Amino acid sequence: MTVVDTHPSTHPPLPPTTEDARLAWLRLLRSHRIGIATFYRLLTEHGSAEAALDALPGIARDAGVESYAPCSLATAEQELNRGHRNGAQLLFLGGPGYPVQLLDLADPPPLLWVLGRPEMLSRPMVGVVGARSASSLGLRMARSLAAELSEEGFVVVSGLARGVDAEAHEASLKSGTVAVQAGGVDTIYPQENADLASRIVRSGLRVSEQPIGMKPMARHFPTRNRLVAGLARAVVVVEAAARSGSLITARTALDQGRDVLAVPGHPFDPRAAGCNMLIRDGATLVRNARDVIEALGPTAAPETLRAPVRQGPTDTPRKPDSAPLRAAILDRLGAAPLAEDTLIRDVSAAARDVAPLLTDLELQGRIERCPGGMIALVR
């Protein structure tokens, strides 16, 4: 089933073209309490990452945060050098090699570390995801689907987890597979997949938006799942419990207008509950790879993905702080994530007035950005 979503109204920024500009992007994104949405907002408000870095201490001071220091040049250079020593490349949004299909995300990563064969990102992809503790039938189904899809010219993308993910990667190694990692692209988790990960580098690609050397934490897995969904033209769920990361991937795929397909399972098997729920709600039932290919249409050849509309950053004047509006924002937010556009409607204010206050509150550590353009209150 397909749900059409609207693309964010802001245009992607022009990519950095010099080494200094690339380091500035990396420094800005790695600065304390700077999430993806704030990164783009600061670029727009200040015209460049360099200017945003210069302005950050003053912005933090205005927000009541003293002695704020952005990510240092030495730290950014250390990450860049470590990535290159591992053979990884850094792709910048809008630049060469960056997968333009990720522009459908509400929060496309400004940069991606990739290790292996970056040309995989230009081929049509199908996500195959499912339970870590999958049944033997589920693992067999994942192998069969991935192998057949791979033979038909699709790149299989998954999350390098144990279970269904690992089987899907293994079965599609010959034709190329893409593994999206929750931690740094040089950090393998789980360790039991280390050999598989090294073989993926030779014939496919490993991808991560996290810093080099970052060990995966629980909050990284939903952000990884959104990239699996964003890269794929369709997501096939093989086995999934009623509450699982695979269903997060499926919901994210729906939000981005991707097709979601599911393999049915026995009603008494809790590992099939999520798939059966998806089918009940309109997902395409999958018995084999042919069902996936028919749902997608004649798309074995790479499609021409829409190119980003490039527009230089515009100068948006920063509005003075408004205590009533700040209080209204904090009153409306809670532990459950809320969409930014819903928040703006709820507080009856213009987006240009709310945006700088959200930046201040994020720097203060009072709110946090969540996957999918959502915002939550930090308790």
Protein backbone atom coordinates (compact mmCIF):
# COMPACT_ATOMS: atom_id res chain seq x y z
CA MET A 1 0.00 0.00 0.00
CA THR A 2 1.16 3.51 -0.72
CA VAL A 3 0.53 6.71 1.21
CA VAL A 4 1.51 9.94 -0.48
CA ASP A 5 3.28 12.44 1.74
CA THR A 6 4.37 15.95 0.95
CA HIS A 7 8.03 16.81 0.79
CA PRO A 8 9.31 19.47 3.18
CA SER A 9 8.92 22.93 1.73
CA THR A 10 12.55 23.89 2.32
CA HIS A 11 14.95 23.24 -0.53
CA PRO A 12 18.14 21.28 0.12
CA PRO A 13 21.16 23.52 0.61
CA LEU A 14 24.01 23.69 -1.85
CA PRO A 15 26.66 21.09 -0.92
CA PRO A 16 30.06 22.18 0.38
CA THR A 17 32.66 22.37 -2.39
CA THR A 18 35.91 23.02 -0.50
CA GLU A 19 37.69 21.07 2.21
CA ASP A 20 37.13 23.91 4.70
CA ALA A 21 33.40 23.98 3.92
CA ARG A 22 33.13 20.18 4.28
CA LEU A 23 34.84 20.33 7.66
CA ALA A 24 32.48 23.13 8.71
CA TRP A 25 29.44 20.98 7.82
CA LEU A 26 30.89 18.12 9.84
CA ARG A 27 31.68 20.40 12.80
CA LEU A 28 28.20 21.95 12.78
CA LEU A 29 26.42 18.60 12.66
CA ARG A 30 28.61 17.14 15.41
CA SER A 31 28.18 20.14 17.73
CA HIS A 32 26.43 19.51 21.04
CA ARG A 33 22.63 19.51 20.81
CA ILE A 34 22.57 20.26 17.08
CA GLY A 35 20.14 17.90 15.41
CA ILE A 36 19.40 17.59 11.71
CA ALA A 37 16.52 20.07 11.66
CA THR A 38 18.55 22.64 13.59
CA PHE A 39 21.51 22.06 11.26
CA TYR A 40 19.42 23.00 8.22
CA ARG A 41 17.79 25.92 10.01
CA LEU A 42 21.15 27.38 11.00
CA LEU A 43 22.45 26.99 7.44
CA THR A 44 19.43 28.88 6.14
CA GLU A 45 19.59 31.61 8.77
CA HIS A 46 23.34 32.23 8.54
CA GLY A 47 24.11 31.36 4.93
CA SER A 48 26.91 28.86 5.57
CA ALA A 49 28.12 26.34 8.12
CA GLU A 50 31.11 28.57 8.90
CA ALA A 51 28.86 31.51 9.75
CA ALA A 52 26.56 29.27 11.79
CA LEU A 53 29.52 27.98 13.82
CA ASP A 54 30.59 31.55 14.54
CA ALA A 55 27.06 32.42 15.66
CA LEU A 56 26.44 29.34 17.83
CA PRO A 57 28.05 30.55 21.08
CA GLY A 58 25.98 33.75 20.92
CA ILE A 59 22.79 31.82 20.14
CA ALA A 60 23.48 29.52 23.07
CA ARG A 61 24.23 32.48 25.35
CA ASP A 62 20.93 34.13 24.36
CA ALA A 63 19.24 30.84 25.24
CA GLY A 64 20.85 30.89 28.69
CA VAL A 65 23.62 28.37 27.95
CA GLU A 66 27.01 29.77 28.98
CA SER A 67 30.42 28.59 27.76
CA TYR A 68 29.01 26.77 24.74
CA ALA A 69 31.68 25.60 22.29
CA PRO A 70 30.90 24.04 18.89
CA CYS A 71 32.63 20.85 17.77
CA SER A 72 36.30 21.69 17.37
CA LEU A 73 38.22 21.61 14.10
CA ALA A 74 40.58 19.00 15.60
CA THR A 75 37.67 16.68 16.46
CA ALA A 76 36.20 16.96 12.95
CA GLU A 77 39.58 16.36 11.34
CA GLN A 78 40.12 13.33 13.58
CA GLU A 79 36.81 11.80 12.44
CA LEU A 80 37.58 12.56 8.80
CA ASN A 81 41.05 11.02 9.03
CA ARG A 82 39.80 7.94 10.87
CA GLY A 83 37.09 7.40 8.27
CA HIS A 84 39.57 7.66 5.42
CA ARG A 85 41.98 5.27 7.16
CA ASN A 86 39.15 2.74 7.25
CA GLY A 87 38.55 3.23 3.52
CA ALA A 88 35.24 5.06 4.03
CA GLN A 89 33.97 8.03 2.02
CA LEU A 90 31.89 10.95 3.22
CA LEU A 91 28.92 11.92 1.03
CA PHE A 92 27.25 15.32 1.44
CA LEU A 93 23.61 16.06 0.73
CA GLY A 94 23.33 17.44 -2.80
CA GLY A 95 26.86 16.37 -3.66
CA PRO A 96 28.23 13.57 -5.87
CA GLY A 97 27.05 10.09 -4.91
CA TYR A 98 24.50 11.20 -2.31
CA PRO A 99 21.30 9.10 -2.73
CA VAL A 100 18.67 11.58 -3.88
CA GLN A 101 15.82 9.30 -2.78
CA LEU A 102 16.65 10.29 0.80
CA LEU A 103 15.36 13.79 0.01
CA ASP A 104 11.88 12.29 0.49
CA LEU A 105 12.67 12.07 4.20
CA ALA A 106 11.55 14.89 6.47
CA ASP A 107 15.07 14.88 7.93
CA PRO A 108 17.56 13.66 5.31
CA PRO A 109 21.04 13.25 6.82
CA PRO A 110 23.33 16.11 5.79
CA LEU A 111 26.17 13.62 5.38
CA LEU A 112 26.65 9.86 5.11
CA TRP A 113 29.68 7.68 5.69
CA VAL A 114 29.84 4.86 3.12
CA LEU A 115 32.20 1.89 2.95
CA GLY A 116 32.36 -0.36 -0.08
CA ARG A 117 30.85 0.31 -3.51
CA PRO A 118 28.96 3.64 -3.52
CA GLU A 119 27.50 2.95 -6.98
CA MET A 120 25.02 0.62 -5.22
CA LEU A 121 23.10 3.73 -4.15
CA SER A 122 22.18 4.56 -7.76
CA ARG A 123 20.42 1.23 -8.33
CA PRO A 124 16.77 0.47 -7.42
CA MET A 125 16.51 -0.96 -3.92
CA VAL A 126 14.01 -3.08 -2.03
CA GLY A 127 14.15 -3.29 1.75
CA VAL A 128 13.85 -6.72 3.36
CA VAL A 129 13.44 -6.54 7.13
CA GLY A 130 12.13 -8.72 9.92
CA ALA A 131 12.60 -10.32 13.31
CA ARG A 132 15.98 -10.90 14.90
CA SER A 133 14.67 -14.14 16.43
CA ALA A 134 12.99 -15.28 13.23
CA SER A 135 11.63 -18.77 12.74
CA SER A 136 13.34 -21.22 10.38
CA LEU A 137 10.53 -20.62 7.88
CA GLY A 138 11.01 -16.87 8.20
CA LEU A 139 14.73 -17.15 7.57
CA ARG A 140 14.12 -19.38 4.57
CA MET A 141 11.62 -16.87 3.19
CA ALA A 142 14.07 -14.00 3.66
CA ARG A 143 16.77 -15.93 1.79
CA SER A 144 14.45 -16.80 -1.06
CA LEU A 145 13.06 -13.27 -1.46
CA ALA A 146 16.46 -11.59 -1.31
CA ALA A 147 18.07 -14.02 -3.76
CA GLU A 148 15.26 -13.68 -6.32
CA LEU A 149 15.03 -9.90 -6.02
CA SER A 150 18.78 -9.70 -6.45
CA GLU A 151 18.61 -11.83 -9.60
CA GLU A 152 15.98 -9.45 -10.99
CA GLY A 153 18.33 -6.49 -10.66
CA PHE A 154 17.29 -5.02 -7.31
CA VAL A 155 19.72 -4.16 -4.55
CA VAL A 156 18.52 -5.56 -1.23
CA VAL A 157 18.83 -3.08 1.63
CA SER A 158 18.53 -4.03 5.30
CA GLY A 159 19.89 -3.22 8.75
CA LEU A 160 22.69 -5.78 9.33
CA ALA A 161 20.90 -7.18 12.39
CA ARG A 162 20.83 -10.87 13.22
CA GLY A 163 17.95 -12.94 11.87
CA VAL A 164 16.07 -11.77 8.78
CA ASP A 165 18.45 -8.87 8.03
CA ALA A 166 21.53 -11.09 7.99
CA GLU A 167 19.84 -13.71 5.81
CA ALA A 168 18.72 -11.05 3.32
CA HIS A 169 22.23 -9.60 3.06
CA GLU A 170 23.81 -13.05 2.72
CA ALA A 171 21.45 -14.15 -0.05
CA SER A 172 22.00 -10.99 -2.12
CA LEU A 173 25.78 -10.66 -1.74
CA LYS A 174 26.58 -11.73 -5.31
CA SER A 175 24.60 -8.92 -6.95
CA GLY A 176 25.20 -6.36 -4.22
CA THR A 177 23.49 -5.44 -0.98
CA VAL A 178 23.36 -2.29 1.16
CA ALA A 179 23.63 -2.52 4.95
CA VAL A 180 22.52 0.52 6.96
CA GLN A 181 24.25 0.55 10.33
CA ALA A 182 22.99 1.98 13.60
CA GLY A 183 26.48 2.88 14.81
CA GLY A 184 29.52 4.16 12.97
CA VAL A 185 30.22 2.61 9.58
CA ASP A 186 33.42 1.12 11.05
CA THR A 187 31.67 -0.37 14.09
CA ILE A 188 30.07 -3.79 13.62
CA TYR A 189 26.99 -4.74 15.63
CA PRO A 190 26.20 -7.47 16.38
CA GLN A 191 29.74 -8.81 16.37
CA GLU A 192 28.53 -12.17 15.06
CA ASN A 193 27.96 -10.42 11.71
CA ALA A 194 31.55 -9.21 11.42
CA ASP A 195 32.47 -11.66 8.65
CA LEU A 196 29.27 -10.84 6.74
CA ALA A 197 29.99 -7.12 7.12
CA SER A 198 33.49 -7.50 5.68
CA ARG A 199 32.11 -9.40 2.68
CA ILE A 200 29.46 -6.74 2.11
CA VAL A 201 32.24 -4.17 1.69
CA ARG A 202 33.72 -6.20 -1.18
CA SER A 203 30.50 -6.63 -3.18
CA GLY A 204 28.07 -4.11 -1.72
CA LEU A 205 27.98 -1.12 0.62
CA ARG A 206 27.75 -0.24 4.29
CA VAL A 207 26.14 3.09 5.18
CA SER A 208 25.83 5.16 8.35
CA GLU A 209 25.02 8.73 9.33
CA GLN A 210 26.66 8.31 12.75
CA PRO A 211 30.21 9.47 13.58
CA ILE A 212 33.09 7.13 12.84
CA GLY A 213 33.72 4.95 15.90
CA MET A 214 30.23 5.49 17.37
CA LYS A 215 28.90 2.42 19.18
CA PRO A 216 25.17 1.95 18.50
CA MET A 217 22.72 2.95 21.23
CA ALA A 218 19.00 2.21 21.46
CA ARG A 219 18.04 5.62 20.04
CA HIS A 220 20.12 5.00 16.90
CA PHE A 221 18.04 2.07 15.66
CA PRO A 222 14.87 4.01 14.75
CA THR A 223 17.03 6.53 12.85
CA ARG A 224 18.73 3.65 11.03
CA ASN A 225 15.31 2.19 10.16
CA ARG A 226 14.21 5.44 8.55
CA LEU A 227 17.25 5.28 6.24
CA VAL A 228 16.42 1.70 5.22
CA ALA A 229 12.92 2.88 4.32
CA GLY A 230 14.20 6.04 2.64
CA LEU A 231 16.67 4.21 0.40
CA ALA A 232 14.19 1.54 -0.68
CA ARG A 233 11.45 1.81 -3.28
CA ALA A 234 9.48 -0.75 -1.28
CA VAL A 235 9.88 -2.49 2.08
CA VAL A 236 9.04 -6.17 2.58
CA VAL A 237 8.46 -7.27 6.17
CA VAL A 238 9.11 -11.01 6.57
CA GLU A 239 8.40 -11.55 10.27
CA ALA A 240 7.67 -8.93 12.91
CA ALA A 241 6.09 -8.84 16.34
CA ALA A 242 3.24 -6.44 17.03
CA ARG A 243 5.75 -3.96 18.48
CA SER A 244 9.05 -4.13 16.68
CA GLY A 245 11.67 -2.14 14.83
CA SER A 246 10.50 -3.69 11.57
CA LEU A 247 7.10 -2.06 12.00
CA ILE A 248 8.83 1.28 12.62
CA THR A 249 10.58 0.77 9.28
CA ALA A 250 7.24 -0.05 7.63
CA ARG A 251 5.53 3.02 9.09
CA THR A 252 8.41 5.24 8.00
CA ALA A 253 8.19 3.76 4.51
CA LEU A 254 4.49 4.59 4.36
CA ASP A 255 5.19 8.15 5.50
CA GLN A 256 7.61 8.54 2.58
CA GLY A 257 5.20 7.14 -0.01
CA ARG A 258 6.95 3.79 -0.35
CA ASP A 259 5.15 0.51 -0.93
CA VAL A 260 4.89 -1.76 2.10
CA LEU A 261 4.51 -5.49 1.62
CA ALA A 262 4.34 -8.28 4.19
CA VAL A 263 4.66 -12.05 4.38
CA PRO A 264 1.67 -13.58 6.20
CA GLY A 265 2.14 -15.91 9.15
CA HIS A 266 0.17 -18.16 11.44
CA PRO A 267 -2.25 -16.22 13.71
CA PHE A 268 -0.89 -18.05 16.77
CA ASP A 269 2.73 -17.07 16.07
CA PRO A 270 3.59 -13.77 17.80
CA ARG A 271 6.46 -13.30 15.34
CA ALA A 272 3.85 -12.95 12.57
CA ALA A 273 1.52 -10.57 14.41
CA GLY A 274 3.05 -7.43 12.92
CA CYS A 275 2.95 -8.75 9.35
CA ASN A 276 -0.65 -9.88 9.71
CA MET A 277 -1.60 -6.46 11.07
CA LEU A 278 0.06 -4.76 8.07
CA ILE A 279 -1.84 -6.99 5.63
CA ARG A 280 -5.09 -6.33 7.51
CA ASP A 281 -4.45 -2.61 7.12
CA GLY A 282 -3.82 -2.83 3.37
CA ALA A 283 -0.22 -3.94 2.84
CA THR A 284 0.36 -6.19 -0.17
CA LEU A 285 0.54 -9.86 0.73
CA VAL A 286 3.82 -11.46 -0.40
CA ARG A 287 4.34 -15.13 -1.23
CA ASN A 288 7.46 -14.77 -3.36
CA ALA A 289 9.63 -12.21 -5.15
CA ARG A 290 7.26 -12.19 -8.11
CA ASP A 291 4.56 -10.62 -5.90
CA VAL A 292 7.01 -7.83 -4.98
CA ILE A 293 8.01 -7.20 -8.60
CA GLU A 294 4.39 -7.14 -9.78
CA ALA A 295 3.49 -4.66 -7.05
CA LEU A 296 6.30 -2.37 -8.20
CA GLY A 297 5.64 -2.76 -11.91
CA PRO A 298 8.28 -3.16 -14.64
CA THR A 299 11.10 -1.52 -12.69
CA ALA A 300 14.10 -3.84 -12.95
CA ALA A 301 16.07 -1.00 -14.56
CA PRO A 302 17.10 1.93 -12.35
CA GLU A 303 14.52 4.69 -12.36
CA THR A 304 15.38 8.34 -12.83
CA LEU A 305 14.95 9.79 -9.37
CA ARG A 306 14.04 13.42 -9.21
CA ALA A 307 16.98 15.72 -8.80
CA PRO A 308 17.02 18.12 -5.85
CA VAL A 309 15.92 21.66 -6.52
CA ARG A 310 18.94 23.75 -5.64
CA GLN A 311 18.49 27.13 -4.18
CA GLY A 312 20.91 29.18 -2.21
CA PRO A 313 20.17 29.82 1.44
CA THR A 314 18.07 32.85 2.21
CA ASP A 315 18.51 35.32 4.99
CA THR A 316 15.76 34.92 7.57
CA PRO A 317 15.95 37.51 10.36
CA ARG A 318 15.99 36.07 13.84
CA LYS A 319 12.91 37.07 15.82
CA PRO A 320 13.22 38.31 19.37
CA ASP A 321 12.48 35.84 22.16
CA SER A 322 8.87 35.67 23.25
CA ALA A 323 8.25 34.32 26.75
CA PRO A 324 4.53 33.60 26.18
CA LEU A 325 5.24 31.68 22.98
CA ARG A 326 8.12 29.78 24.62
CA ALA A 327 5.80 28.82 27.51
CA ALA A 328 3.11 27.72 25.06
CA ILE A 329 5.57 25.50 23.20
CA LEU A 330 6.78 23.83 26.40
CA ASP A 331 3.20 23.43 27.64
CA ARG A 332 2.15 21.73 24.41
CA LEU A 333 5.10 19.31 24.24
CA GLY A 334 5.39 16.13 26.24
CA ALA A 335 7.36 12.90 26.33
CA ALA A 336 5.44 11.59 23.30
CA PRO A 337 6.94 13.05 20.08
CA LEU A 338 4.83 15.66 18.28
CA ALA A 339 5.16 16.76 14.65
CA GLU A 340 6.62 20.27 14.29
CA ASP A 341 3.84 21.45 11.96
CA THR A 342 1.23 20.21 14.46
CA LEU A 343 3.00 22.12 17.24
CA ILE A 344 3.00 25.30 15.13
CA ARG A 345 -0.74 24.97 14.53
CA ASP A 346 -1.42 24.23 18.20
CA VAL A 347 0.39 27.34 19.47
CA SER A 348 -1.23 29.53 16.76
CA ALA A 349 2.06 31.12 15.73
CA ALA A 350 3.99 31.62 12.51
CA ALA A 351 6.66 29.05 11.67
CA ARG A 352 9.28 31.83 11.43
CA ASP A 353 8.56 32.75 15.08
CA VAL A 354 8.52 29.18 16.40
CA ALA A 355 11.68 27.99 14.60
CA PRO A 356 14.28 30.08 16.50
CA LEU A 357 12.65 29.25 19.84
CA LEU A 358 12.91 25.55 19.04
CA THR A 359 16.60 26.04 18.29
CA ASP A 360 17.07 27.78 21.65
CA LEU A 361 15.19 25.06 23.53
CA GLU A 362 17.19 22.33 21.81
CA LEU A 363 20.47 24.01 22.74
CA GLN A 364 19.22 24.29 26.34
CA GLY A 365 18.51 20.56 26.35
CA ARG A 366 14.79 21.14 27.04
CA ILE A 367 13.56 19.49 23.84
CA GLU A 368 14.94 16.83 21.52
CA ARG A 369 14.47 16.09 17.84
CA CYS A 370 13.13 12.64 16.99
CA PRO A 371 13.04 10.74 13.66
CA GLY A 372 10.48 11.92 11.12
CA GLY A 373 10.54 15.61 12.04
CA MET A 374 9.07 15.00 15.50
CA ILE A 375 9.84 16.91 18.72
CA ALA A 376 9.61 15.74 22.33
CA LEU A 377 10.11 17.33 25.74
CA VAL A 378 13.19 16.18 27.65
CA ARG A 379 12.15 15.02 31.10
